[in-house]
Amino acid sequence: MTDEIVFHHNPMSRGRIVHLMLEEVGVPYRVVLHSFDRGEHKSPAYLAINPMGKIPAIEHRGRVVTESAAICAYLADAFPEAGLAPALDDPARATYLRWLFFAAGCLEPALVDRGLQRPPGRPSAMGYGTYEDTLGALEKAITPGPFILGERFSAADVFVGSEIGWGLMTKSLEPRPVFTAYAARLNDRPAFRRVMERSAELEKTLRG
């Protein structure tokens, strides 16, 4: 068992969410790049780590964690000194978990359906109900702000902010002022700027 974090990554994937989380946590990690063009994420070696063949994944203390929201939650709890998750007995943990997994279970599917121009399904059969309801709930999550837990930044902001940023970039999220202002606050964080710089370097490595 090792305390090293091995980060399986491709910068053109949801791996950027985990990259940002790792930078916010502030602990050392080792990046293992996987080329989509060369199918490295579907290699037998990687499928032994993540049978879905999806990026990202991390290995830590002899265990594998997949799914971006789960990785964010895991890292926040594994490194409490970073202060990115309320303690188990902190009432704020309910709000933290609520919106972290709302973003994974409702917001992302709603944005993907919107981006792919899929016809709306029957609301009672959809995990997120309607696009309009999802955006209304999202506004409540980040109001009054500046973060989901008020003045306290958390792993929920890492994940929710990444989804909002992606939605604004792909135009699958309506650019409401509350969303653009929230994204701007998160994009101004030092960890975000480091990830953007490092991602450009990693993309060059993959192309090389």
C-alpha atoms as a PDB file:
ATOM      1  CA  MET A   1       0.000   0.000   0.000  1.00  0.00           C
ATOM      2  CA  THR A   2       1.270   3.474  -0.862  1.00  0.00           C
ATOM      3  CA  ASP A   3       0.141   6.953   0.060  1.00  0.00           C
ATOM      4  CA  GLU A   4       1.024   8.200  -3.420  1.00  0.00           C
ATOM      5  CA  ILE A   5      -1.915   9.419  -5.494  1.00  0.00           C
ATOM      6  CA  VAL A   6      -1.767   8.085  -9.045  1.00  0.00           C
ATOM      7  CA  PHE A   7      -3.985  10.206 -11.276  1.00  0.00           C
ATOM      8  CA  HIS A   8      -5.111   8.625 -14.553  1.00  0.00           C
ATOM      9  CA  HIS A   9      -5.847  11.553 -16.788  1.00  0.00           C
ATOM     10  CA  ASN A  10      -6.472  13.045 -20.183  1.00  0.00           C
ATOM     11  CA  PRO A  11      -6.790  16.851 -20.192  1.00  0.00           C
ATOM     12  CA  MET A  12      -9.604  16.676 -22.761  1.00  0.00           C
ATOM     13  CA  SER A  13     -11.919  14.871 -20.364  1.00  0.00           C
ATOM     14  CA  ARG A  14     -13.643  15.128 -17.006  1.00  0.00           C
ATOM     15  CA  GLY A  15     -10.172  14.531 -15.665  1.00  0.00           C
ATOM     16  CA  ARG A  16      -9.855  18.308 -15.496  1.00  0.00           C
ATOM     17  CA  ILE A  17     -12.335  18.287 -12.618  1.00  0.00           C
ATOM     18  CA  VAL A  18     -10.148  15.916 -10.627  1.00  0.00           C
ATOM     19  CA  HIS A  19      -7.009  17.808 -11.664  1.00  0.00           C
ATOM     20  CA  LEU A  20      -8.557  20.934 -10.174  1.00  0.00           C
ATOM     21  CA  MET A  21      -9.537  19.072  -7.019  1.00  0.00           C
ATOM     22  CA  LEU A  22      -5.998  17.756  -6.588  1.00  0.00           C
ATOM     23  CA  GLU A  23      -4.598  21.253  -6.921  1.00  0.00           C
ATOM     24  CA  GLU A  24      -7.077  22.567  -4.362  1.00  0.00           C
ATOM     25  CA  VAL A  25      -6.167  19.748  -1.961  1.00  0.00           C
ATOM     26  CA  GLY A  26      -2.507  20.638  -2.387  1.00  0.00           C
ATOM     27  CA  VAL A  27      -0.920  17.202  -1.974  1.00  0.00           C
ATOM     28  CA  PRO A  28       1.596  15.559  -4.339  1.00  0.00           C
ATOM     29  CA  TYR A  29       0.252  13.333  -7.094  1.00  0.00           C
ATOM     30  CA  ARG A  30       1.588  11.522 -10.141  1.00  0.00           C
ATOM     31  CA  VAL A  31      -0.114  11.960 -13.499  1.00  0.00           C
ATOM     32  CA  VAL A  32      -0.453   8.996 -15.847  1.00  0.00           C
ATOM     33  CA  LEU A  33      -1.649  10.183 -19.251  1.00  0.00           C
ATOM     34  CA  HIS A  34      -3.885   8.063 -21.471  1.00  0.00           C
ATOM     35  CA  SER A  35      -4.251   8.919 -25.149  1.00  0.00           C
ATOM     36  CA  PHE A  36      -7.762   8.661 -26.538  1.00  0.00           C
ATOM     37  CA  ASP A  37      -6.391   8.634 -30.087  1.00  0.00           C
ATOM     38  CA  ARG A  38      -4.285   5.560 -29.317  1.00  0.00           C
ATOM     39  CA  GLY A  39      -7.074   3.896 -27.339  1.00  0.00           C
ATOM     40  CA  GLU A  40      -4.981   3.686 -24.185  1.00  0.00           C
ATOM     41  CA  HIS A  41      -8.075   4.158 -22.009  1.00  0.00           C
ATOM     42  CA  LYS A  42      -9.397   0.867 -23.429  1.00  0.00           C
ATOM     43  CA  SER A  43      -6.186  -1.108 -22.965  1.00  0.00           C
ATOM     44  CA  PRO A  44      -6.292  -4.268 -20.815  1.00  0.00           C
ATOM     45  CA  ALA A  45      -4.009  -2.579 -18.277  1.00  0.00           C
ATOM     46  CA  TYR A  46      -6.346   0.371 -17.808  1.00  0.00           C
ATOM     47  CA  LEU A  47      -9.520  -1.725 -17.941  1.00  0.00           C
ATOM     48  CA  ALA A  48      -8.118  -3.615 -14.955  1.00  0.00           C
ATOM     49  CA  ILE A  49      -8.235  -0.284 -13.108  1.00  0.00           C
ATOM     50  CA  ASN A  50     -11.544   0.990 -14.486  1.00  0.00           C
ATOM     51  CA  PRO A  51     -13.649  -1.603 -16.337  1.00  0.00           C
ATOM     52  CA  MET A  52     -15.629   1.255 -17.911  1.00  0.00           C
ATOM     53  CA  GLY A  53     -12.501   2.455 -19.684  1.00  0.00           C
ATOM     54  CA  LYS A  54     -13.358   5.994 -18.643  1.00  0.00           C
ATOM     55  CA  ILE A  55     -11.110   8.830 -17.498  1.00  0.00           C
ATOM     56  CA  PRO A  56     -10.432   9.918 -14.747  1.00  0.00           C
ATOM     57  CA  ALA A  57      -9.520   7.462 -12.026  1.00  0.00           C
ATOM     58  CA  ILE A  58      -7.186   7.624  -9.063  1.00  0.00           C
ATOM     59  CA  GLU A  59      -5.273   4.988  -7.154  1.00  0.00           C
ATOM     60  CA  HIS A  60      -4.576   5.698  -3.497  1.00  0.00           C
ATOM     61  CA  ARG A  61      -3.703   3.542  -0.498  1.00  0.00           C
ATOM     62  CA  GLY A  62      -4.254   0.364  -2.454  1.00  0.00           C
ATOM     63  CA  ARG A  63      -7.698   1.340  -3.706  1.00  0.00           C
ATOM     64  CA  VAL A  64      -9.186   2.694  -6.920  1.00  0.00           C
ATOM     65  CA  VAL A  65     -11.734   5.518  -7.057  1.00  0.00           C
ATOM     66  CA  THR A  66     -13.584   6.389 -10.261  1.00  0.00           C
ATOM     67  CA  GLU A  67     -16.334   8.897 -11.132  1.00  0.00           C
ATOM     68  CA  SER A  68     -15.380  12.547 -10.815  1.00  0.00           C
ATOM     69  CA  ALA A  69     -17.844  13.464  -8.072  1.00  0.00           C
ATOM     70  CA  ALA A  70     -16.831  10.426  -6.019  1.00  0.00           C
ATOM     71  CA  ILE A  71     -13.144  11.281  -6.442  1.00  0.00           C
ATOM     72  CA  CYS A  72     -13.771  14.853  -5.277  1.00  0.00           C
ATOM     73  CA  ALA A  73     -15.663  13.610  -2.217  1.00  0.00           C
ATOM     74  CA  TYR A  74     -13.006  10.991  -1.484  1.00  0.00           C
ATOM     75  CA  LEU A  75     -10.093  13.419  -1.682  1.00  0.00           C
ATOM     76  CA  ALA A  76     -11.848  15.970   0.508  1.00  0.00           C
ATOM     77  CA  ASP A  77     -12.338  13.342   3.226  1.00  0.00           C
ATOM     78  CA  ALA A  78      -8.920  11.721   2.771  1.00  0.00           C
ATOM     79  CA  PHE A  79      -7.172  15.059   3.315  1.00  0.00           C
ATOM     80  CA  PRO A  80      -9.276  16.950   5.878  1.00  0.00           C
ATOM     81  CA  GLU A  81      -6.463  19.409   6.507  1.00  0.00           C
ATOM     82  CA  ALA A  82      -7.341  21.023   3.160  1.00  0.00           C
ATOM     83  CA  GLY A  83     -10.708  22.046   4.628  1.00  0.00           C
ATOM     84  CA  LEU A  84     -12.682  21.115   1.510  1.00  0.00           C
ATOM     85  CA  ALA A  85     -15.481  19.169   3.209  1.00  0.00           C
ATOM     86  CA  PRO A  86     -17.488  19.725   6.370  1.00  0.00           C
ATOM     87  CA  ALA A  87     -16.841  17.171   9.104  1.00  0.00           C
ATOM     88  CA  LEU A  88     -19.259  14.265   9.573  1.00  0.00           C
ATOM     89  CA  ASP A  89     -20.891  15.990  12.542  1.00  0.00           C
ATOM     90  CA  ASP A  90     -21.083  19.407  10.855  1.00  0.00           C
ATOM     91  CA  PRO A  91     -24.663  20.288   9.794  1.00  0.00           C
ATOM     92  CA  ALA A  92     -23.209  21.943   6.678  1.00  0.00           C
ATOM     93  CA  ARG A  93     -22.261  18.498   5.385  1.00  0.00           C
ATOM     94  CA  ALA A  94     -25.879  17.902   4.363  1.00  0.00           C
ATOM     95  CA  THR A  95     -25.843  20.937   2.062  1.00  0.00           C
ATOM     96  CA  TYR A  96     -22.393  20.013   0.788  1.00  0.00           C
ATOM     97  CA  LEU A  97     -23.415  16.466  -0.189  1.00  0.00           C
ATOM     98  CA  ARG A  98     -26.772  17.569  -1.546  1.00  0.00           C
ATOM     99  CA  TRP A  99     -25.385  19.891  -4.183  1.00  0.00           C
ATOM    100  CA  LEU A 100     -22.271  17.893  -4.993  1.00  0.00           C
ATOM    101  CA  PHE A 101     -24.381  14.931  -6.046  1.00  0.00           C
ATOM    102  CA  PHE A 102     -27.132  17.075  -7.539  1.00  0.00           C
ATOM    103  CA  ALA A 103     -24.534  18.279 -10.018  1.00  0.00           C
ATOM    104  CA  ALA A 104     -23.523  14.703 -10.876  1.00  0.00           C
ATOM    105  CA  GLY A 105     -26.996  13.176 -10.928  1.00  0.00           C
ATOM    106  CA  CYS A 106     -29.149  15.995 -12.304  1.00  0.00           C
ATOM    107  CA  LEU A 107     -27.168  18.922 -13.690  1.00  0.00           C
ATOM    108  CA  GLU A 108     -24.749  17.036 -15.919  1.00  0.00           C
ATOM    109  CA  PRO A 109     -27.422  14.806 -17.538  1.00  0.00           C
ATOM    110  CA  ALA A 110     -29.622  17.857 -18.124  1.00  0.00           C
ATOM    111  CA  LEU A 111     -26.751  19.726 -19.798  1.00  0.00           C
ATOM    112  CA  VAL A 112     -25.768  16.736 -21.923  1.00  0.00           C
ATOM    113  CA  ASP A 113     -29.338  16.253 -23.135  1.00  0.00           C
ATOM    114  CA  ARG A 114     -29.572  19.961 -23.920  1.00  0.00           C
ATOM    115  CA  GLY A 115     -26.255  19.994 -25.742  1.00  0.00           C
ATOM    116  CA  LEU A 116     -27.200  16.972 -27.848  1.00  0.00           C
ATOM    117  CA  GLN A 117     -30.611  18.517 -28.538  1.00  0.00           C
ATOM    118  CA  ARG A 118     -32.426  15.459 -27.300  1.00  0.00           C
ATOM    119  CA  PRO A 119     -36.174  15.915 -27.101  1.00  0.00           C
ATOM    120  CA  PRO A 120     -37.422  16.368 -23.530  1.00  0.00           C
ATOM    121  CA  GLY A 121     -38.583  13.181 -21.894  1.00  0.00           C
ATOM    122  CA  ARG A 122     -41.543  12.789 -19.580  1.00  0.00           C
ATOM    123  CA  PRO A 123     -40.477  14.741 -16.456  1.00  0.00           C
ATOM    124  CA  SER A 124     -41.578  12.031 -14.052  1.00  0.00           C
ATOM    125  CA  ALA A 125     -39.362   9.539 -15.884  1.00  0.00           C
ATOM    126  CA  MET A 126     -36.297  11.781 -16.051  1.00  0.00           C
ATOM    127  CA  GLY A 127     -33.808  11.759 -13.202  1.00  0.00           C
ATOM    128  CA  TYR A 128     -33.606  15.554 -13.344  1.00  0.00           C
ATOM    129  CA  GLY A 129     -37.245  16.307 -14.179  1.00  0.00           C
ATOM    130  CA  THR A 130     -36.920  19.225 -16.591  1.00  0.00           C
ATOM    131  CA  TYR A 131     -34.089  21.427 -17.767  1.00  0.00           C
ATOM    132  CA  GLU A 132     -35.864  24.493 -16.384  1.00  0.00           C
ATOM    133  CA  ASP A 133     -36.360  22.941 -12.951  1.00  0.00           C
ATOM    134  CA  THR A 134     -32.710  21.872 -12.860  1.00  0.00           C
ATOM    135  CA  LEU A 135     -31.475  25.371 -13.617  1.00  0.00           C
ATOM    136  CA  GLY A 136     -33.846  26.811 -11.030  1.00  0.00           C
ATOM    137  CA  ALA A 137     -32.425  24.479  -8.385  1.00  0.00           C
ATOM    138  CA  LEU A 138     -28.884  25.323  -9.475  1.00  0.00           C
ATOM    139  CA  GLU A 139     -29.548  29.013  -8.933  1.00  0.00           C
ATOM    140  CA  LYS A 140     -30.683  28.249  -5.380  1.00  0.00           C
ATOM    141  CA  ALA A 141     -27.535  26.214  -4.747  1.00  0.00           C
ATOM    142  CA  ILE A 142     -25.219  29.130  -5.429  1.00  0.00           C
ATOM    143  CA  THR A 143     -27.372  31.911  -3.964  1.00  0.00           C
ATOM    144  CA  PRO A 144     -26.510  34.062  -2.102  1.00  0.00           C
ATOM    145  CA  GLY A 145     -22.947  32.780  -2.453  1.00  0.00           C
ATOM    146  CA  PRO A 146     -20.191  33.459  -2.965  1.00  0.00           C
ATOM    147  CA  PHE A 147     -19.921  29.660  -2.641  1.00  0.00           C
ATOM    148  CA  ILE A 148     -22.313  26.792  -1.997  1.00  0.00           C
ATOM    149  CA  LEU A 149     -21.531  26.904   1.728  1.00  0.00           C
ATOM    150  CA  GLY A 150     -21.612  30.676   1.847  1.00  0.00           C
ATOM    151  CA  GLU A 151     -18.171  32.086   2.546  1.00  0.00           C
ATOM    152  CA  ARG A 152     -16.616  28.616   2.683  1.00  0.00           C
ATOM    153  CA  PHE A 153     -15.175  27.090  -0.502  1.00  0.00           C
ATOM    154  CA  SER A 154     -15.534  23.294  -0.720  1.00  0.00           C
ATOM    155  CA  ALA A 155     -15.201  20.299  -3.003  1.00  0.00           C
ATOM    156  CA  ALA A 156     -18.829  20.874  -3.963  1.00  0.00           C
ATOM    157  CA  ASP A 157     -17.728  24.112  -5.622  1.00  0.00           C
ATOM    158  CA  VAL A 158     -14.988  22.259  -7.496  1.00  0.00           C
ATOM    159  CA  PHE A 159     -17.514  19.914  -9.056  1.00  0.00           C
ATOM    160  CA  VAL A 160     -20.475  22.261  -9.458  1.00  0.00           C
ATOM    161  CA  GLY A 161     -18.213  25.019 -10.775  1.00  0.00           C
ATOM    162  CA  SER A 162     -16.652  22.679 -13.318  1.00  0.00           C
ATOM    163  CA  GLU A 163     -20.089  21.651 -14.570  1.00  0.00           C
ATOM    164  CA  ILE A 164     -21.175  25.275 -14.833  1.00  0.00           C
ATOM    165  CA  GLY A 165     -17.981  26.238 -16.648  1.00  0.00           C
ATOM    166  CA  TRP A 166     -18.394  23.376 -19.097  1.00  0.00           C
ATOM    167  CA  GLY A 167     -22.054  24.207 -19.633  1.00  0.00           C
ATOM    168  CA  LEU A 168     -21.289  27.849 -20.365  1.00  0.00           C
ATOM    169  CA  MET A 169     -18.473  26.896 -22.740  1.00  0.00           C
ATOM    170  CA  THR A 170     -20.638  24.438 -24.699  1.00  0.00           C
ATOM    171  CA  LYS A 171     -23.677  26.744 -24.530  1.00  0.00           C
ATOM    172  CA  SER A 172     -25.731  23.972 -22.962  1.00  0.00           C
ATOM    173  CA  LEU A 173     -26.230  26.160 -19.885  1.00  0.00           C
ATOM    174  CA  GLU A 174     -28.129  29.421 -20.106  1.00  0.00           C
ATOM    175  CA  PRO A 175     -25.673  32.253 -19.298  1.00  0.00           C
ATOM    176  CA  ARG A 176     -27.681  33.652 -16.418  1.00  0.00           C
ATOM    177  CA  PRO A 177     -25.804  36.334 -14.463  1.00  0.00           C
ATOM    178  CA  VAL A 178     -25.679  34.190 -11.319  1.00  0.00           C
ATOM    179  CA  PHE A 179     -23.953  31.394 -13.266  1.00  0.00           C
ATOM    180  CA  THR A 180     -21.430  33.588 -15.044  1.00  0.00           C
ATOM    181  CA  ALA A 181     -20.519  35.439 -11.840  1.00  0.00           C
ATOM    182  CA  TYR A 182     -20.029  32.172  -9.955  1.00  0.00           C
ATOM    183  CA  ALA A 183     -17.861  30.737 -12.741  1.00  0.00           C
ATOM    184  CA  ALA A 184     -15.756  33.916 -12.812  1.00  0.00           C
ATOM    185  CA  ARG A 185     -15.078  33.652  -9.067  1.00  0.00           C
ATOM    186  CA  LEU A 186     -13.900  30.069  -9.404  1.00  0.00           C
ATOM    187  CA  ASN A 187     -11.820  30.787 -12.505  1.00  0.00           C
ATOM    188  CA  ASP A 188      -9.945  33.426 -10.541  1.00  0.00           C
ATOM    189  CA  ARG A 189      -8.652  30.900  -8.016  1.00  0.00           C
ATOM    190  CA  PRO A 190      -4.911  30.086  -8.188  1.00  0.00           C
ATOM    191  CA  ALA A 191      -5.641  26.353  -8.485  1.00  0.00           C
ATOM    192  CA  PHE A 192      -7.753  26.935 -11.582  1.00  0.00           C
ATOM    193  CA  ARG A 193      -5.007  28.969 -13.237  1.00  0.00           C
ATOM    194  CA  ARG A 194      -2.443  26.276 -12.469  1.00  0.00           C
ATOM    195  CA  VAL A 195      -4.647  23.604 -13.992  1.00  0.00           C
ATOM    196  CA  MET A 196      -5.167  25.626 -17.163  1.00  0.00           C
ATOM    197  CA  GLU A 197      -1.420  26.077 -17.603  1.00  0.00           C
ATOM    198  CA  ARG A 198      -0.614  22.456 -16.831  1.00  0.00           C
ATOM    199  CA  SER A 199      -3.396  21.206 -19.112  1.00  0.00           C
ATOM    200  CA  ALA A 200      -1.884  23.022 -22.078  1.00  0.00           C
ATOM    201  CA  GLU A 201       1.450  21.294 -21.349  1.00  0.00           C
ATOM    202  CA  LEU A 202      -0.200  17.882 -21.036  1.00  0.00           C
ATOM    203  CA  GLU A 203      -2.064  18.319 -24.314  1.00  0.00           C
ATOM    204  CA  LYS A 204       1.253  19.010 -26.041  1.00  0.00           C
ATOM    205  CA  THR A 205       2.728  15.873 -24.478  1.00  0.00           C
ATOM    206  CA  LEU A 206      -0.133  13.765 -25.819  1.00  0.00           C
ATOM    207  CA  ARG A 207       0.211  15.248 -29.294  1.00  0.00           C
ATOM    208  CA  GLY A 208       3.996  14.781 -29.252  1.00  0.00           C
END
